[in-house]
C-alpha atoms as a PDB file:
ATOM      1  CA  MET A   1      18.071 189.721 176.796  1.00  0.00           C
ATOM      2  CA  ARG A   2      17.965 189.422 173.014  1.00  0.00           C
ATOM      3  CA  PRO A   3      19.823 186.689 171.179  1.00  0.00           C
ATOM      4  CA  LYS A   4      22.852 187.573 169.064  1.00  0.00           C
ATOM      5  CA  TRP A   5      21.636 189.267 165.877  1.00  0.00           C
ATOM      6  CA  SER A   6      21.205 186.849 163.018  1.00  0.00           C
ATOM      7  CA  PRO A   7      18.980 187.968 160.120  1.00  0.00           C
ATOM      8  CA  THR A   8      15.902 185.848 159.546  1.00  0.00           C
ATOM      9  CA  HIS A   9      13.613 187.985 157.351  1.00  0.00           C
ATOM     10  CA  TRP A  10      13.263 190.930 155.015  1.00  0.00           C
ATOM     11  CA  ILE A  11      10.479 193.441 155.624  1.00  0.00           C
ATOM     12  CA  ILE A  12       9.482 195.106 152.373  1.00  0.00           C
ATOM     13  CA  PHE A  13       7.184 198.115 152.376  1.00  0.00           C
ATOM     14  CA  THR A  14       5.822 199.030 148.954  1.00  0.00           C
ATOM     15  CA  PRO A  15       4.069 202.404 148.992  1.00  0.00           C
ATOM     16  CA  GLU A  16       1.277 203.127 146.524  1.00  0.00           C
ATOM     17  CA  THR A  17       3.632 205.678 144.970  1.00  0.00           C
ATOM     18  CA  GLY A  18       7.409 205.535 145.093  1.00  0.00           C
ATOM     19  CA  LYS A  19      10.040 202.850 145.480  1.00  0.00           C
ATOM     20  CA  PRO A  20       9.863 199.860 147.833  1.00  0.00           C
ATOM     21  CA  GLU A  21      11.819 200.130 151.078  1.00  0.00           C
ATOM     22  CA  THR A  22      13.488 197.131 152.734  1.00  0.00           C
ATOM     23  CA  TRP A  23      14.749 196.226 156.185  1.00  0.00           C
ATOM     24  CA  HIS A  24      16.921 193.192 157.018  1.00  0.00           C
ATOM     25  CA  VAL A  25      15.720 191.974 160.418  1.00  0.00           C
ATOM     26  CA  MET A  26      15.756 189.181 162.961  1.00  0.00           C
ATOM     27  CA  ILE A  27      12.191 188.363 164.013  1.00  0.00           C
ATOM     28  CA  ILE A  28      11.853 187.254 167.638  1.00  0.00           C
ATOM     29  CA  PRO A  29       8.921 186.840 170.048  1.00  0.00           C
ATOM     30  CA  ASP A  30       8.061 189.967 172.033  1.00  0.00           C
ATOM     31  CA  PRO A  31       8.873 189.129 175.654  1.00  0.00           C
ATOM     32  CA  ASP A  32       6.266 191.649 176.863  1.00  0.00           C
ATOM     33  CA  GLU A  33       3.257 190.649 174.728  1.00  0.00           C
ATOM     34  CA  SER A  34       2.136 187.091 174.137  1.00  0.00           C
ATOM     35  CA  GLY A  35       1.854 186.286 170.433  1.00  0.00           C
ATOM     36  CA  ALA A  36       3.529 189.518 169.345  1.00  0.00           C
ATOM     37  CA  LEU A  37       6.788 189.793 167.396  1.00  0.00           C
ATOM     38  CA  LEU A  38       9.740 192.177 167.268  1.00  0.00           C
ATOM     39  CA  ALA A  39      11.742 192.731 164.070  1.00  0.00           C
ATOM     40  CA  VAL A  40      15.219 193.649 165.273  1.00  0.00           C
ATOM     41  CA  SER A  41      17.636 195.291 162.830  1.00  0.00           C
ATOM     42  CA  ARG A  42      21.412 195.136 163.237  1.00  0.00           C
ATOM     43  CA  ASN A  43      21.487 198.744 164.458  1.00  0.00           C
ATOM     44  CA  ASP A  44      18.732 198.454 167.085  1.00  0.00           C
ATOM     45  CA  LYS A  45      20.009 198.931 170.605  1.00  0.00           C
ATOM     46  CA  PRO A  46      19.197 196.001 172.936  1.00  0.00           C
ATOM     47  CA  SER A  47      17.257 198.245 175.331  1.00  0.00           C
ATOM     48  CA  ALA A  48      15.202 199.978 172.613  1.00  0.00           C
ATOM     49  CA  VAL A  49      11.947 198.871 171.014  1.00  0.00           C
ATOM     50  CA  PRO A  50      12.692 198.002 167.365  1.00  0.00           C
ATOM     51  CA  ASP A  51      11.157 200.167 164.630  1.00  0.00           C
ATOM     52  CA  TRP A  52       9.060 197.236 163.334  1.00  0.00           C
ATOM     53  CA  THR A  53       6.696 195.313 165.613  1.00  0.00           C
ATOM     54  CA  CYS A  54       3.793 192.955 165.028  1.00  0.00           C
ATOM     55  CA  ASP A  55       0.926 192.593 167.494  1.00  0.00           C
ATOM     56  CA  ALA A  56      -0.777 189.314 168.391  1.00  0.00           C
ATOM     57  CA  ALA A  57      -3.399 189.965 165.676  1.00  0.00           C
ATOM     58  CA  GLY A  58      -0.678 190.023 162.996  1.00  0.00           C
ATOM     59  CA  VAL A  59      -0.710 193.788 162.361  1.00  0.00           C
ATOM     60  CA  TRP A  60       2.744 195.208 161.577  1.00  0.00           C
ATOM     61  CA  THR A  61       3.551 198.754 162.668  1.00  0.00           C
ATOM     62  CA  TRP A  62       6.566 200.989 162.108  1.00  0.00           C
ATOM     63  CA  CYS A  63       7.510 203.162 165.081  1.00  0.00           C
ATOM     64  CA  GLY A  64       4.000 202.541 166.426  1.00  0.00           C
ATOM     65  CA  LEU A  65       2.305 203.825 163.256  1.00  0.00           C
ATOM     66  CA  PRO A  66       0.743 202.083 160.303  1.00  0.00           C
ATOM     67  CA  PRO A  67       3.801 201.517 158.123  1.00  0.00           C
ATOM     68  CA  PRO A  68       5.756 203.752 157.542  1.00  0.00           C
ATOM     69  CA  ASN A  69       4.478 207.142 158.595  1.00  0.00           C
ATOM     70  CA  LYS A  70       0.894 206.267 157.648  1.00  0.00           C
ATOM     71  CA  ARG A  71       1.697 206.166 153.916  1.00  0.00           C
ATOM     72  CA  PRO A  72      -0.646 203.855 152.015  1.00  0.00           C
ATOM     73  CA  GLY A  73       1.008 200.698 150.804  1.00  0.00           C
ATOM     74  CA  LYS A  74       1.669 197.035 151.553  1.00  0.00           C
ATOM     75  CA  VAL A  75       4.019 195.255 153.945  1.00  0.00           C
ATOM     76  CA  ALA A  76       5.539 191.898 153.036  1.00  0.00           C
ATOM     77  CA  VAL A  77       7.656 189.855 155.433  1.00  0.00           C
ATOM     78  CA  ILE A  78       9.790 187.267 153.688  1.00  0.00           C
ATOM     79  CA  GLU A  79      12.081 184.699 155.269  1.00  0.00           C
ATOM     80  CA  VAL A  80      15.746 185.135 154.329  1.00  0.00           C
ATOM     81  CA  SER A  81      15.594 181.803 152.516  1.00  0.00           C
ATOM     82  CA  GLY A  82      12.770 183.329 150.477  1.00  0.00           C
ATOM     83  CA  GLY A  83      10.229 180.650 151.245  1.00  0.00           C
ATOM     84  CA  HIS A  84       7.988 181.863 154.069  1.00  0.00           C
ATOM     85  CA  ARG A  85       5.827 184.909 154.703  1.00  0.00           C
ATOM     86  CA  VAL A  86       4.968 185.867 158.281  1.00  0.00           C
END
């Protein structure tokens, strides 16, 4: 069971062309994969896999794809306080 949603981070995807996209998320350990993370948004259903996940090697994916939809760009994960990158 997931904890009550409380935002901890922003995920910012900056494509090579176009505007940056942001997601306000709560990052929690993945209960099914040691060392992996889940980035839960307010609208994610408790039984569903969140759109953003990070494997044990530190690779973030969006809906199981390189982020988002295989568009070239960079992902930044910033703590809500603004001081820590994951």
